[in-house]
Amino acid sequence: MKNLSIGSPRQRRAIKALCQTEAIPSYDLAKIVGTTNIAEIILELRRRGWVIKTTLFEIVDQDGHICRPGKYSLDESYKNEAKRLLTKNGAGAAATAPIPRTVRHHNSNHSQRGEL
């Protein structure tokens, strides 16, 4: 069983934001976390044991083109442990990962790598 951990202030802000919402668009999460490469933060968190899902949705950009950005969501079974870790002092707290109730597959091959 993998140990959950939060290794940096950016990862801490990402986990906190993911705990506070059902799903958050990648561009909104990037602003909250303070990075232009949110995919790298998500990838690192996944390597640390967090189950973060990526779902694609459609929007129309300012030029009228359809785009498919991603939304990130933290698996519900991880939220209680995340909240517990967030209340500890420091970003380096660790805990044992809960066993996910179900494993959902993503339509995107990129989601496992943290890309959109």
C-alpha atoms as a PDB file:
ATOM      1  CA  MET A   1       0.000   0.000   0.000  1.00  0.00           C
ATOM      2  CA  LYS A   2       1.332   3.396  -1.003  1.00  0.00           C
ATOM      3  CA  ASN A   3       1.818   6.208   1.484  1.00  0.00           C
ATOM      4  CA  LEU A   4       0.113   9.465   0.627  1.00  0.00           C
ATOM      5  CA  SER A   5       2.208  12.565   0.960  1.00  0.00           C
ATOM      6  CA  ILE A   6       2.274  16.237   0.089  1.00  0.00           C
ATOM      7  CA  GLY A   7       5.736  17.420  -0.867  1.00  0.00           C
ATOM      8  CA  SER A   8       5.511  21.113  -1.669  1.00  0.00           C
ATOM      9  CA  PRO A   9       3.393  24.205  -1.059  1.00  0.00           C
ATOM     10  CA  ARG A  10       2.032  23.931  -4.629  1.00  0.00           C
ATOM     11  CA  GLN A  11       0.988  20.320  -4.059  1.00  0.00           C
ATOM     12  CA  ARG A  12      -0.595  21.371  -0.759  1.00  0.00           C
ATOM     13  CA  ARG A  13      -2.633  24.109  -2.496  1.00  0.00           C
ATOM     14  CA  ALA A  14      -3.689  21.627  -5.198  1.00  0.00           C
ATOM     15  CA  ILE A  15      -4.890  19.024  -2.678  1.00  0.00           C
ATOM     16  CA  LYS A  16      -6.703  21.703  -0.667  1.00  0.00           C
ATOM     17  CA  ALA A  17      -8.516  22.975  -3.782  1.00  0.00           C
ATOM     18  CA  LEU A  18      -9.390  19.432  -4.883  1.00  0.00           C
ATOM     19  CA  CYS A  19     -10.893  18.744  -1.441  1.00  0.00           C
ATOM     20  CA  GLN A  20     -13.121  21.793  -1.631  1.00  0.00           C
ATOM     21  CA  THR A  21     -14.859  20.960  -4.897  1.00  0.00           C
ATOM     22  CA  GLU A  22     -16.223  18.035  -6.859  1.00  0.00           C
ATOM     23  CA  ALA A  23     -14.139  18.883  -9.948  1.00  0.00           C
ATOM     24  CA  ILE A  24     -12.079  21.887 -10.981  1.00  0.00           C
ATOM     25  CA  PRO A  25     -10.985  22.943 -14.486  1.00  0.00           C
ATOM     26  CA  SER A  26      -7.250  22.700 -15.071  1.00  0.00           C
ATOM     27  CA  TYR A  27      -6.856  26.409 -15.789  1.00  0.00           C
ATOM     28  CA  ASP A  28      -8.623  27.373 -12.528  1.00  0.00           C
ATOM     29  CA  LEU A  29      -6.515  24.914 -10.539  1.00  0.00           C
ATOM     30  CA  ALA A  30      -3.335  26.296 -12.143  1.00  0.00           C
ATOM     31  CA  LYS A  31      -4.254  29.806 -10.945  1.00  0.00           C
ATOM     32  CA  ILE A  32      -4.974  28.601  -7.407  1.00  0.00           C
ATOM     33  CA  VAL A  33      -1.762  26.572  -7.218  1.00  0.00           C
ATOM     34  CA  GLY A  34       0.374  29.295  -8.799  1.00  0.00           C
ATOM     35  CA  THR A  35       1.825  27.411 -11.742  1.00  0.00           C
ATOM     36  CA  THR A  36       1.553  27.369 -15.512  1.00  0.00           C
ATOM     37  CA  ASN A  37       2.159  23.600 -15.612  1.00  0.00           C
ATOM     38  CA  ILE A  38      -0.586  22.099 -13.464  1.00  0.00           C
ATOM     39  CA  ALA A  39      -0.191  18.757 -15.246  1.00  0.00           C
ATOM     40  CA  GLU A  40       3.241  18.340 -13.628  1.00  0.00           C
ATOM     41  CA  ILE A  41       1.809  18.992 -10.150  1.00  0.00           C
ATOM     42  CA  ILE A  42      -0.964  16.448 -10.752  1.00  0.00           C
ATOM     43  CA  LEU A  43       1.552  13.899 -12.041  1.00  0.00           C
ATOM     44  CA  GLU A  44       3.701  14.317  -8.920  1.00  0.00           C
ATOM     45  CA  LEU A  45       0.673  13.918  -6.655  1.00  0.00           C
ATOM     46  CA  ARG A  46      -0.305  10.727  -8.502  1.00  0.00           C
ATOM     47  CA  ARG A  47       3.222   9.419  -8.006  1.00  0.00           C
ATOM     48  CA  ARG A  48       2.769  10.108  -4.274  1.00  0.00           C
ATOM     49  CA  GLY A  49      -0.307   7.869  -4.227  1.00  0.00           C
ATOM     50  CA  TRP A  50      -3.206  10.281  -4.787  1.00  0.00           C
ATOM     51  CA  VAL A  51      -6.016   9.148  -7.090  1.00  0.00           C
ATOM     52  CA  ILE A  52      -6.856  12.209  -9.162  1.00  0.00           C
ATOM     53  CA  LYS A  53      -9.234  11.761 -12.075  1.00  0.00           C
ATOM     54  CA  THR A  54      -9.194  13.767 -15.286  1.00  0.00           C
ATOM     55  CA  THR A  55     -12.357  14.305 -17.299  1.00  0.00           C
ATOM     56  CA  LEU A  56     -12.556  16.305 -20.484  1.00  0.00           C
ATOM     57  CA  PHE A  57     -15.288  18.809 -21.230  1.00  0.00           C
ATOM     58  CA  GLU A  58     -16.032  21.064 -24.188  1.00  0.00           C
ATOM     59  CA  ILE A  59     -15.922  24.839 -24.295  1.00  0.00           C
ATOM     60  CA  VAL A  60     -15.892  27.332 -27.120  1.00  0.00           C
ATOM     61  CA  ASP A  61     -12.881  29.646 -27.108  1.00  0.00           C
ATOM     62  CA  GLN A  62     -12.894  33.350 -27.994  1.00  0.00           C
ATOM     63  CA  ASP A  63     -12.344  32.501 -31.663  1.00  0.00           C
ATOM     64  CA  GLY A  64     -15.347  30.177 -31.781  1.00  0.00           C
ATOM     65  CA  HIS A  65     -13.317  26.945 -31.771  1.00  0.00           C
ATOM     66  CA  ILE A  66     -14.299  23.972 -29.653  1.00  0.00           C
ATOM     67  CA  CYS A  67     -11.662  23.112 -27.055  1.00  0.00           C
ATOM     68  CA  ARG A  68     -11.531  20.152 -24.694  1.00  0.00           C
ATOM     69  CA  PRO A  69      -9.735  21.137 -21.492  1.00  0.00           C
ATOM     70  CA  GLY A  70      -9.676  18.859 -18.493  1.00  0.00           C
ATOM     71  CA  LYS A  71     -11.198  18.966 -15.025  1.00  0.00           C
ATOM     72  CA  TYR A  72      -9.437  17.344 -12.107  1.00  0.00           C
ATOM     73  CA  SER A  73     -11.146  15.653  -9.183  1.00  0.00           C
ATOM     74  CA  LEU A  74      -9.809  13.900  -6.123  1.00  0.00           C
ATOM     75  CA  ASP A  75     -11.293  10.445  -5.528  1.00  0.00           C
ATOM     76  CA  GLU A  76     -13.859  10.746  -2.729  1.00  0.00           C
ATOM     77  CA  SER A  77     -12.207   7.983  -0.709  1.00  0.00           C
ATOM     78  CA  TYR A  78      -9.083  10.172  -0.407  1.00  0.00           C
ATOM     79  CA  LYS A  79     -10.721  13.406   0.752  1.00  0.00           C
ATOM     80  CA  ASN A  80     -10.862  12.600   4.473  1.00  0.00           C
ATOM     81  CA  GLU A  81      -7.192  11.621   4.517  1.00  0.00           C
ATOM     82  CA  ALA A  82      -6.324  14.765   2.536  1.00  0.00           C
ATOM     83  CA  LYS A  83      -8.144  16.948   5.053  1.00  0.00           C
ATOM     84  CA  ARG A  84      -6.305  15.234   7.892  1.00  0.00           C
ATOM     85  CA  LEU A  85      -2.939  15.803   6.210  1.00  0.00           C
ATOM     86  CA  LEU A  86      -3.778  19.426   5.458  1.00  0.00           C
ATOM     87  CA  THR A  87      -4.392  20.127   9.137  1.00  0.00           C
ATOM     88  CA  LYS A  88      -0.919  18.870  10.066  1.00  0.00           C
ATOM     89  CA  ASN A  89       1.916  21.369  10.244  1.00  0.00           C
ATOM     90  CA  GLY A  90       4.158  21.523   7.191  1.00  0.00           C
ATOM     91  CA  ALA A  91       3.719  20.275   3.648  1.00  0.00           C
ATOM     92  CA  GLY A  92       5.660  17.047   4.162  1.00  0.00           C
ATOM     93  CA  ALA A  93       2.979  15.096   6.026  1.00  0.00           C
ATOM     94  CA  ALA A  94       2.323  11.506   4.973  1.00  0.00           C
ATOM     95  CA  ALA A  95      -0.448   8.944   5.479  1.00  0.00           C
ATOM     96  CA  THR A  96      -1.476   5.514   4.243  1.00  0.00           C
ATOM     97  CA  ALA A  97      -3.548   5.578   1.061  1.00  0.00           C
ATOM     98  CA  PRO A  98      -7.102   4.280   1.363  1.00  0.00           C
ATOM     99  CA  ILE A  99      -8.141   1.475  -0.964  1.00  0.00           C
ATOM    100  CA  PRO A 100     -10.326   2.993  -3.712  1.00  0.00           C
ATOM    101  CA  ARG A 101     -13.872   1.605  -3.865  1.00  0.00           C
ATOM    102  CA  THR A 102     -13.819   1.505  -7.640  1.00  0.00           C
ATOM    103  CA  VAL A 103     -11.292   2.283 -10.298  1.00  0.00           C
ATOM    104  CA  ARG A 104     -12.692   4.350 -13.121  1.00  0.00           C
ATOM    105  CA  HIS A 105     -10.994   4.434 -16.477  1.00  0.00           C
ATOM    106  CA  HIS A 106     -10.532   7.705 -18.284  1.00  0.00           C
ATOM    107  CA  ASN A 107     -11.249   8.330 -21.921  1.00  0.00           C
ATOM    108  CA  SER A 108      -8.006  10.265 -22.151  1.00  0.00           C
ATOM    109  CA  ASN A 109      -4.722   8.401 -22.482  1.00  0.00           C
ATOM    110  CA  HIS A 110      -3.024  11.544 -21.226  1.00  0.00           C
ATOM    111  CA  SER A 111      -4.699  11.614 -17.834  1.00  0.00           C
ATOM    112  CA  GLN A 112      -2.377   9.009 -16.331  1.00  0.00           C
ATOM    113  CA  ARG A 113       0.610  11.152 -17.267  1.00  0.00           C
ATOM    114  CA  GLY A 114      -1.008  14.299 -15.887  1.00  0.00           C
ATOM    115  CA  GLU A 115      -1.383  15.899 -19.291  1.00  0.00           C
ATOM    116  CA  LEU A 116      -4.471  17.330 -20.913  1.00  0.00           C
END
